[in-house]
Amino acid sequence: MGRLLAVLAVLSLLGFFGLLLVEQQMIRAVLPFTPAAGGSPRPPSAGGEVSSPAGGDRGTTREGTGEEAKAALLSAKAETCDDERVLVDGSHRLPSAYAPEDLVSLPGNDVPTLGGRELLLRREAAEHLGALVSAAAADSEELVVASAFRSYDDQRLTYGRLKSIYGAGADSMSAPPGHSQHQLGTAVDFTNAGAAYQVKRRFGYTSASLWLQHHATEHGFVLAYPPGGAESGYRWEPWHYRYVGVENAERLERSGLTLQRFLARVGVTPHC
């Protein structure tokens, strides 16, 4: 009888300690994790939080990291319309609301404009254009800017007028709104007395046009639509030059490519 009571007592004690152990495990599951005094990293939580890399003290969720990466990507894309190498043609379109934020006056940068009009260009392009015009004048060549920055709405009116006169033929003469390099604020149309101050192919047979062919790249400008037109979709426009920066202009010249093919190879498309 005494042996039976002893066995029952042992079983009771084992049951008590078992319940105590289960209770402790339940308490640990409920209470928040507290790192040891040594500062050991936190383990991943059920919410998907991951510990910081070595040396860090802040955990980031996978969802948060994804949102930050997405925001960074969108921010990078938002800047590409201001890139000097952005490709704008019949297949790559600028948004109607896009306009550069650093437009400045060409007359204010000592660049002669047709009729003294207040034409605008991006600051860096305007500064280089001023140097280009001065260099041409030093060689007794006259260069007058007939057109520079045109907004989406300005281009819509220009294109609409030509469309009403030439119909489908207007597509080879002017870009539809959103597809014009003039909206970038880095393109200009030249003229001079030799071309009767008109924007026509006649300018291409003047000595000033020949001077541009030899010296424009020194100032970061390139002929946008050379003879041929198969790649650009536009006729030869000897008056139309675009600023891409001195380094890019020199690279383009060495490559032997047209502007469109060069920019397509660089791969900067309009996202803004």
Protein backbone atom coordinates (compact mmCIF):
# COMPACT_ATOMS: atom_id res chain seq x y z
CA MET A 1 0.00 0.00 0.00
CA GLY A 2 2.84 2.39 0.84
CA ARG A 3 4.57 1.60 -2.48
CA LEU A 4 1.39 2.48 -4.40
CA LEU A 5 1.13 5.84 -2.62
CA ALA A 6 4.77 6.63 -3.48
CA VAL A 7 4.18 5.92 -7.17
CA LEU A 8 1.11 8.16 -7.20
CA ALA A 9 3.09 10.95 -5.56
CA VAL A 10 5.85 10.74 -8.21
CA LEU A 11 3.27 10.83 -11.04
CA SER A 12 1.63 13.89 -9.49
CA LEU A 13 4.97 15.73 -9.35
CA LEU A 14 5.76 14.88 -12.98
CA GLY A 15 2.37 16.21 -14.07
CA PHE A 16 2.92 19.44 -12.17
CA PHE A 17 6.32 20.12 -13.76
CA GLY A 18 4.94 19.24 -17.19
CA LEU A 19 2.18 21.79 -16.85
CA LEU A 20 4.71 24.38 -15.65
CA LEU A 21 6.91 23.77 -18.72
CA VAL A 22 3.97 24.16 -21.10
CA GLU A 23 2.93 27.38 -19.39
CA GLN A 24 6.45 28.82 -19.78
CA GLN A 25 6.46 28.01 -23.49
CA MET A 26 3.10 29.73 -23.90
CA ILE A 27 4.38 32.84 -22.09
CA ARG A 28 7.45 32.99 -24.36
CA ALA A 29 5.25 32.76 -27.44
CA VAL A 30 3.15 35.72 -26.30
CA LEU A 31 5.84 38.07 -24.93
CA PRO A 32 7.90 40.16 -27.47
CA PHE A 33 11.44 39.06 -28.24
CA THR A 34 14.09 40.95 -26.26
CA PRO A 35 17.70 40.69 -27.48
CA ALA A 36 20.42 39.76 -25.07
CA ALA A 37 22.69 42.36 -23.57
CA GLY A 38 25.21 41.68 -26.29
CA GLY A 39 22.84 43.07 -28.93
CA SER A 40 22.26 39.91 -30.98
CA PRO A 41 20.18 40.51 -34.17
CA ARG A 42 16.42 40.04 -34.12
CA PRO A 43 15.02 36.92 -35.75
CA PRO A 44 12.48 37.29 -38.58
CA SER A 45 8.98 37.90 -37.27
CA ALA A 46 5.76 36.43 -38.54
CA GLY A 47 5.07 39.70 -40.39
CA GLY A 48 7.93 39.09 -42.84
CA GLU A 49 10.40 41.50 -41.23
CA VAL A 50 14.03 40.75 -41.92
CA SER A 51 17.03 41.72 -39.83
CA SER A 52 19.37 44.48 -40.93
CA PRO A 53 22.68 43.55 -42.54
CA ALA A 54 25.78 43.45 -40.40
CA GLY A 55 26.44 46.80 -38.82
CA GLY A 56 22.83 47.94 -39.22
CA ASP A 57 20.18 48.35 -36.56
CA ARG A 58 16.95 48.76 -38.58
CA GLY A 59 14.84 45.97 -40.05
CA THR A 60 12.96 46.54 -43.32
CA THR A 61 9.98 44.62 -44.58
CA ARG A 62 10.05 42.99 -47.99
CA GLU A 63 7.04 45.07 -48.94
CA GLY A 64 8.80 48.28 -47.90
CA THR A 65 11.94 47.38 -49.84
CA GLY A 66 9.88 46.72 -52.96
CA GLU A 67 8.11 50.07 -52.69
CA GLU A 68 11.40 51.91 -52.22
CA ALA A 69 12.91 50.21 -55.26
CA LYS A 70 9.83 51.02 -57.31
CA ALA A 71 9.97 54.67 -56.23
CA ALA A 72 13.67 54.88 -57.12
CA LEU A 73 12.98 53.39 -60.55
CA LEU A 74 10.18 55.84 -61.23
CA SER A 75 12.36 58.70 -60.07
CA ALA A 76 15.10 57.66 -62.50
CA LYS A 77 12.62 57.41 -65.35
CA ALA A 78 11.16 60.80 -64.50
CA GLU A 79 14.54 62.37 -65.25
CA THR A 80 15.11 60.87 -68.68
CA CYS A 81 13.15 63.49 -70.63
CA ASP A 82 15.76 66.00 -69.50
CA ASP A 83 18.58 63.73 -70.65
CA GLU A 84 20.44 65.19 -73.63
CA ARG A 85 20.31 61.76 -75.29
CA VAL A 86 16.58 61.09 -75.01
CA LEU A 87 15.14 59.61 -78.19
CA VAL A 88 12.17 61.47 -79.64
CA ASP A 89 10.88 60.38 -83.04
CA GLY A 90 7.81 58.90 -84.72
CA SER A 91 7.77 55.98 -82.28
CA HIS A 92 8.87 57.73 -79.08
CA ARG A 93 6.58 60.42 -77.73
CA LEU A 94 6.86 63.15 -75.10
CA PRO A 95 3.90 63.76 -72.76
CA SER A 96 1.77 66.78 -73.53
CA ALA A 97 2.57 68.33 -70.14
CA TYR A 98 6.35 68.03 -70.49
CA ALA A 99 8.40 71.22 -70.70
CA PRO A 100 11.99 71.81 -69.49
CA GLU A 101 12.33 73.83 -66.30
CA ASP A 102 15.55 75.63 -67.26
CA LEU A 103 14.48 77.50 -70.39
CA VAL A 104 16.24 80.82 -70.97
CA SER A 105 16.04 83.62 -73.52
CA LEU A 106 18.19 83.29 -76.64
CA PRO A 107 18.45 87.06 -77.21
CA GLY A 108 19.50 87.24 -73.56
CA ASN A 109 22.39 84.92 -74.44
CA ASP A 110 23.47 87.04 -77.42
CA VAL A 111 21.93 84.68 -79.97
CA PRO A 112 20.28 86.51 -82.90
CA THR A 113 16.70 85.40 -83.57
CA LEU A 114 14.50 85.99 -86.58
CA GLY A 115 12.74 89.33 -86.14
CA GLY A 116 14.27 89.63 -82.67
CA ARG A 117 11.68 87.23 -81.28
CA GLU A 118 11.90 86.02 -77.68
CA LEU A 119 12.84 82.41 -78.38
CA LEU A 120 13.74 80.00 -75.57
CA LEU A 121 16.20 77.15 -75.16
CA ARG A 122 17.49 75.13 -72.22
CA ARG A 123 20.22 76.96 -70.36
CA GLU A 124 23.19 74.75 -71.22
CA ALA A 125 22.16 74.50 -74.87
CA ALA A 126 21.67 78.27 -75.06
CA GLU A 127 25.12 78.95 -73.64
CA HIS A 128 26.77 76.61 -76.14
CA LEU A 129 24.66 78.06 -78.95
CA GLY A 130 25.90 81.54 -78.07
CA ALA A 131 29.48 80.32 -78.39
CA LEU A 132 28.66 78.59 -81.70
CA VAL A 133 27.09 81.72 -83.22
CA SER A 134 30.03 83.86 -82.07
CA ALA A 135 32.52 81.43 -83.59
CA ALA A 136 30.60 81.48 -86.87
CA ALA A 137 30.51 85.27 -86.88
CA ALA A 138 34.28 85.32 -86.34
CA ASP A 139 34.51 83.34 -89.58
CA SER A 140 32.14 85.81 -91.29
CA GLU A 141 29.22 83.36 -91.26
CA GLU A 142 25.75 84.57 -90.30
CA LEU A 143 23.49 82.29 -88.26
CA VAL A 144 20.02 83.38 -87.15
CA VAL A 145 17.67 81.17 -85.13
CA ALA A 146 14.18 81.00 -86.62
CA SER A 147 12.73 78.52 -84.13
CA ALA A 148 13.75 76.97 -80.81
CA PHE A 149 11.64 75.53 -77.98
CA ARG A 150 8.07 74.73 -78.96
CA SER A 151 5.56 73.45 -76.44
CA TYR A 152 3.22 70.55 -77.15
CA ASP A 153 0.41 73.00 -77.92
CA ASP A 154 2.64 75.10 -80.19
CA GLN A 155 3.59 71.98 -82.13
CA ARG A 156 -0.05 70.94 -82.36
CA LEU A 157 -0.89 74.26 -84.05
CA THR A 158 2.14 74.08 -86.37
CA TYR A 159 1.40 70.52 -87.40
CA GLY A 160 -2.31 71.26 -87.77
CA ARG A 161 -1.66 74.09 -90.21
CA LEU A 162 0.55 71.92 -92.41
CA LYS A 163 -1.91 69.05 -92.20
CA SER A 164 -4.72 71.28 -93.45
CA ILE A 165 -2.61 72.25 -96.48
CA TYR A 166 -0.67 69.11 -97.37
CA GLY A 167 -2.75 66.36 -95.81
CA ALA A 168 -0.77 63.16 -95.21
CA GLY A 169 2.28 64.85 -96.76
CA ALA A 170 2.60 66.95 -93.62
CA ASP A 171 4.00 63.93 -91.77
CA SER A 172 7.27 64.17 -93.69
CA MET A 173 7.46 67.92 -93.12
CA SER A 174 6.60 68.32 -89.44
CA ALA A 175 6.33 66.09 -86.39
CA PRO A 176 2.96 65.45 -84.76
CA PRO A 177 2.62 66.98 -81.27
CA GLY A 178 4.65 65.05 -78.73
CA HIS A 179 7.07 63.76 -81.36
CA SER A 180 8.99 66.98 -81.98
CA GLN A 181 12.55 67.50 -80.76
CA HIS A 182 11.70 71.17 -80.32
CA GLN A 183 9.64 70.25 -77.24
CA LEU A 184 12.89 69.10 -75.59
CA GLY A 185 14.18 72.67 -75.63
CA THR A 186 17.46 71.61 -77.24
CA ALA A 187 16.66 71.93 -80.96
CA VAL A 188 16.98 75.00 -83.18
CA ASP A 189 16.22 75.91 -86.79
CA PHE A 190 18.82 78.13 -88.47
CA THR A 191 18.47 80.59 -91.33
CA ASN A 192 20.34 83.60 -92.71
CA ALA A 193 20.40 86.13 -95.54
CA GLY A 194 21.64 83.46 -97.94
CA ALA A 195 18.38 81.59 -97.36
CA ALA A 196 16.30 84.79 -97.55
CA TYR A 197 15.70 84.35 -93.80
CA GLN A 198 13.43 81.40 -94.47
CA VAL A 199 13.52 77.86 -93.11
CA LYS A 200 14.03 75.98 -96.35
CA ARG A 201 16.48 73.60 -97.98
CA ARG A 202 18.08 76.59 -99.58
CA PHE A 203 19.94 77.08 -96.30
CA GLY A 204 21.72 73.78 -96.92
CA TYR A 205 23.56 75.31 -99.89
CA THR A 206 24.93 78.30 -98.00
CA SER A 207 28.47 78.62 -96.69
CA ALA A 208 27.04 78.90 -93.16
CA SER A 209 25.53 75.43 -93.53
CA LEU A 210 28.90 74.09 -94.64
CA TRP A 211 30.51 75.80 -91.63
CA LEU A 212 28.02 74.03 -89.32
CA GLN A 213 28.86 70.68 -90.83
CA HIS A 214 32.48 71.18 -89.81
CA HIS A 215 32.12 72.98 -86.47
CA ALA A 216 28.71 72.29 -84.87
CA THR A 217 29.93 69.22 -82.96
CA GLU A 218 32.63 71.33 -81.31
CA HIS A 219 29.79 73.10 -79.51
CA GLY A 220 27.63 70.02 -78.86
CA PHE A 221 25.19 70.40 -81.78
CA VAL A 222 24.44 67.82 -84.47
CA LEU A 223 22.39 67.75 -87.66
CA ALA A 224 19.22 65.94 -86.66
CA TYR A 225 17.85 65.00 -90.09
CA PRO A 226 20.58 64.42 -92.70
CA PRO A 227 19.96 63.56 -96.36
CA GLY A 228 18.20 60.25 -96.94
CA GLY A 229 15.55 60.32 -94.27
CA ALA A 230 14.94 56.58 -94.28
CA GLU A 231 15.74 56.20 -90.59
CA SER A 232 14.23 59.41 -89.25
CA GLY A 233 11.13 59.46 -91.44
CA TYR A 234 11.75 63.13 -92.29
CA ARG A 235 13.18 64.84 -95.31
CA TRP A 236 16.63 66.40 -95.22
CA GLU A 237 16.45 69.41 -92.93
CA PRO A 238 19.79 71.23 -93.17
CA TRP A 239 18.51 73.92 -90.82
CA HIS A 240 17.56 71.65 -87.91
CA TYR A 241 20.25 71.09 -85.27
CA ARG A 242 19.95 69.54 -81.86
CA TYR A 243 22.15 69.98 -78.81
CA VAL A 244 23.31 66.67 -77.30
CA GLY A 245 26.42 67.88 -75.46
CA VAL A 246 29.99 68.07 -76.72
CA GLU A 247 30.98 64.57 -75.63
CA ASN A 248 27.91 62.93 -77.19
CA ALA A 249 28.30 64.97 -80.38
CA GLU A 250 31.90 63.81 -80.74
CA ARG A 251 30.93 60.20 -80.05
CA LEU A 252 28.18 60.45 -82.65
CA GLU A 253 30.60 61.86 -85.22
CA ARG A 254 33.09 59.05 -84.61
CA SER A 255 30.38 56.39 -84.82
CA GLY A 256 29.25 57.39 -88.30
CA LEU A 257 25.64 56.77 -87.22
CA THR A 258 22.66 59.03 -87.70
CA LEU A 259 21.34 60.77 -84.62
CA GLN A 260 18.30 58.48 -84.40
CA ARG A 261 20.35 55.29 -84.62
CA PHE A 262 22.90 56.62 -82.14
CA LEU A 263 20.22 57.56 -79.59
CA ALA A 264 18.45 54.23 -80.10
CA ARG A 265 21.72 52.46 -79.31
CA VAL A 266 22.18 54.55 -76.16
CA GLY A 267 18.67 53.53 -75.16
CA VAL A 268 17.35 56.64 -73.40
CA THR A 269 13.61 56.77 -74.08
CA PRO A 270 11.18 59.42 -72.81
CA HIS A 271 9.66 58.54 -69.42
CA CYS A 272 8.44 61.66 -67.65
